[in-house]
Amino acid sequence: MPLYLIERNFAEQVNATPEIAAAITEVNANVGIEWLFSFLSADKKKTYCLYEAPNPDAIREAARKLNLPADVIVELGESRVTPGAPGLMTPTRGA
């Protein structure tokens, strides 16, 4: 399944809790996407989330159901730059 990076912009600081994460995970599963992990900006008003999803529309559907922004959705390629790795480029999956 393709990987996507989602940038979310919030007016207020994000206050993540286990309950919120569980609700997001449940809705995502119902839509057919999986949240792998997120980074939070230093000011806690942006998140950068890695997802597996069949397409961007599935991500948008889950975001609408959760009332979350999905400001930028970028499909990631099959390679990543890994400093220190032989050849520098490694597969996105299984590396």
C-alpha atoms as a PDB file:
ATOM      1  CA  MET A   1       0.000   0.000   0.000  1.00  0.00           C
ATOM      2  CA  PRO A   2       1.353   3.492  -0.798  1.00  0.00           C
ATOM      3  CA  LEU A   3       2.889   5.671   1.904  1.00  0.00           C
ATOM      4  CA  TYR A   4       1.778   9.272   2.441  1.00  0.00           C
ATOM      5  CA  LEU A   5       3.119  12.149   4.516  1.00  0.00           C
ATOM      6  CA  ILE A   6       0.359  14.430   5.820  1.00  0.00           C
ATOM      7  CA  GLU A   7       0.942  17.936   7.157  1.00  0.00           C
ATOM      8  CA  ARG A   8      -1.747  19.119   9.548  1.00  0.00           C
ATOM      9  CA  ASN A   9      -1.942  22.734  10.779  1.00  0.00           C
ATOM     10  CA  PHE A  10      -3.809  23.512  14.007  1.00  0.00           C
ATOM     11  CA  ALA A  11      -4.882  26.870  15.476  1.00  0.00           C
ATOM     12  CA  GLU A  12      -4.138  25.666  19.010  1.00  0.00           C
ATOM     13  CA  GLN A  13      -1.437  23.421  20.434  1.00  0.00           C
ATOM     14  CA  VAL A  14      -2.026  19.704  19.904  1.00  0.00           C
ATOM     15  CA  ASN A  15      -2.714  17.790  23.106  1.00  0.00           C
ATOM     16  CA  ALA A  16      -2.441  14.121  22.172  1.00  0.00           C
ATOM     17  CA  THR A  17      -3.886  11.547  24.559  1.00  0.00           C
ATOM     18  CA  PRO A  18      -4.195   7.756  24.392  1.00  0.00           C
ATOM     19  CA  GLU A  19      -7.966   8.173  24.003  1.00  0.00           C
ATOM     20  CA  ILE A  20      -7.597  10.507  21.015  1.00  0.00           C
ATOM     21  CA  ALA A  21      -5.047   8.171  19.411  1.00  0.00           C
ATOM     22  CA  ALA A  22      -7.405   5.200  19.894  1.00  0.00           C
ATOM     23  CA  ALA A  23     -10.319   7.086  18.303  1.00  0.00           C
ATOM     24  CA  ILE A  24      -8.154   8.085  15.331  1.00  0.00           C
ATOM     25  CA  THR A  25      -6.912   4.517  14.914  1.00  0.00           C
ATOM     26  CA  GLU A  26     -10.478   3.168  14.967  1.00  0.00           C
ATOM     27  CA  VAL A  27     -11.783   5.592  12.323  1.00  0.00           C
ATOM     28  CA  ASN A  28      -8.701   5.009  10.178  1.00  0.00           C
ATOM     29  CA  ALA A  29      -9.242   1.236  10.305  1.00  0.00           C
ATOM     30  CA  ASN A  30     -12.869   1.683   9.245  1.00  0.00           C
ATOM     31  CA  VAL A  31     -11.719   3.739   6.240  1.00  0.00           C
ATOM     32  CA  GLY A  32      -8.911   1.317   5.347  1.00  0.00           C
ATOM     33  CA  ILE A  33      -5.855   3.411   6.236  1.00  0.00           C
ATOM     34  CA  GLU A  34      -3.161   3.019   8.884  1.00  0.00           C
ATOM     35  CA  TRP A  35      -1.450   5.753  10.904  1.00  0.00           C
ATOM     36  CA  LEU A  36       2.179   4.683  11.345  1.00  0.00           C
ATOM     37  CA  PHE A  37       3.557   7.606  13.379  1.00  0.00           C
ATOM     38  CA  SER A  38       3.676  11.390  13.641  1.00  0.00           C
ATOM     39  CA  PHE A  39       6.123  14.160  14.424  1.00  0.00           C
ATOM     40  CA  LEU A  40       4.953  17.234  16.317  1.00  0.00           C
ATOM     41  CA  SER A  41       6.420  20.672  15.560  1.00  0.00           C
ATOM     42  CA  ALA A  42       8.234  22.534  18.338  1.00  0.00           C
ATOM     43  CA  ASP A  43       5.286  24.927  18.782  1.00  0.00           C
ATOM     44  CA  LYS A  44       2.871  21.917  18.875  1.00  0.00           C
ATOM     45  CA  LYS A  45       0.657  23.470  16.176  1.00  0.00           C
ATOM     46  CA  LYS A  46       1.667  21.212  13.276  1.00  0.00           C
ATOM     47  CA  THR A  47       1.908  17.482  12.849  1.00  0.00           C
ATOM     48  CA  TYR A  48       3.676  15.507  10.150  1.00  0.00           C
ATOM     49  CA  CYS A  49       2.083  12.072   9.956  1.00  0.00           C
ATOM     50  CA  LEU A  50       3.116   8.957   8.060  1.00  0.00           C
ATOM     51  CA  TYR A  51       0.218   6.860   6.769  1.00  0.00           C
ATOM     52  CA  GLU A  52      -0.393   3.800   4.640  1.00  0.00           C
ATOM     53  CA  ALA A  53      -3.444   4.384   2.479  1.00  0.00           C
ATOM     54  CA  PRO A  54      -4.849   3.250  -0.854  1.00  0.00           C
ATOM     55  CA  ASN A  55      -5.156   6.882  -2.014  1.00  0.00           C
ATOM     56  CA  PRO A  56      -5.330  10.505  -0.754  1.00  0.00           C
ATOM     57  CA  ASP A  57      -9.139  10.457  -0.792  1.00  0.00           C
ATOM     58  CA  ALA A  58      -9.164   7.805   1.940  1.00  0.00           C
ATOM     59  CA  ILE A  59      -6.963  10.055   4.076  1.00  0.00           C
ATOM     60  CA  ARG A  60      -9.274  13.015   3.448  1.00  0.00           C
ATOM     61  CA  GLU A  61     -12.330  10.901   4.347  1.00  0.00           C
ATOM     62  CA  ALA A  62     -10.836   9.884   7.699  1.00  0.00           C
ATOM     63  CA  ALA A  63      -9.771  13.489   8.374  1.00  0.00           C
ATOM     64  CA  ARG A  64     -13.334  14.714   7.691  1.00  0.00           C
ATOM     65  CA  LYS A  65     -14.816  12.071   9.992  1.00  0.00           C
ATOM     66  CA  LEU A  66     -12.365  13.061  12.739  1.00  0.00           C
ATOM     67  CA  ASN A  67     -12.672  16.812  12.106  1.00  0.00           C
ATOM     68  CA  LEU A  68      -8.908  16.994  11.558  1.00  0.00           C
ATOM     69  CA  PRO A  69      -7.083  19.053   8.958  1.00  0.00           C
ATOM     70  CA  ALA A  70      -5.168  17.342   6.158  1.00  0.00           C
ATOM     71  CA  ASP A  71      -3.569  20.430   4.646  1.00  0.00           C
ATOM     72  CA  VAL A  72      -0.871  18.776   2.555  1.00  0.00           C
ATOM     73  CA  ILE A  73      -0.833  15.127   1.428  1.00  0.00           C
ATOM     74  CA  VAL A  74       2.314  13.886  -0.330  1.00  0.00           C
ATOM     75  CA  GLU A  75       2.679  10.398  -1.765  1.00  0.00           C
ATOM     76  CA  LEU A  76       6.141   9.057  -0.953  1.00  0.00           C
ATOM     77  CA  GLY A  77       8.292   7.152  -3.419  1.00  0.00           C
ATOM     78  CA  GLU A  78       9.792   3.704  -3.148  1.00  0.00           C
ATOM     79  CA  SER A  79      13.213   4.918  -1.973  1.00  0.00           C
ATOM     80  CA  ARG A  80      14.507   6.967   0.895  1.00  0.00           C
ATOM     81  CA  VAL A  81      17.828   8.664   1.509  1.00  0.00           C
ATOM     82  CA  THR A  82      19.537   6.963   4.438  1.00  0.00           C
ATOM     83  CA  PRO A  83      22.763   8.688   5.539  1.00  0.00           C
ATOM     84  CA  GLY A  84      25.494   6.140   6.171  1.00  0.00           C
ATOM     85  CA  ALA A  85      23.805   3.393   4.143  1.00  0.00           C
ATOM     86  CA  PRO A  86      25.808   1.793   1.345  1.00  0.00           C
ATOM     87  CA  GLY A  87      24.687   3.591  -1.802  1.00  0.00           C
ATOM     88  CA  LEU A  88      22.735   6.159   0.270  1.00  0.00           C
ATOM     89  CA  MET A  89      19.342   5.111  -1.172  1.00  0.00           C
ATOM     90  CA  THR A  90      17.369   2.345   0.525  1.00  0.00           C
ATOM     91  CA  PRO A  91      13.908   0.926  -0.127  1.00  0.00           C
ATOM     92  CA  THR A  92      11.046   2.616   1.714  1.00  0.00           C
ATOM     93  CA  ARG A  93       9.803  -0.817   2.769  1.00  0.00           C
ATOM     94  CA  GLY A  94      11.696  -3.394   4.783  1.00  0.00           C
ATOM     95  CA  ALA A  95      14.889  -1.439   5.252  1.00  0.00           C
END
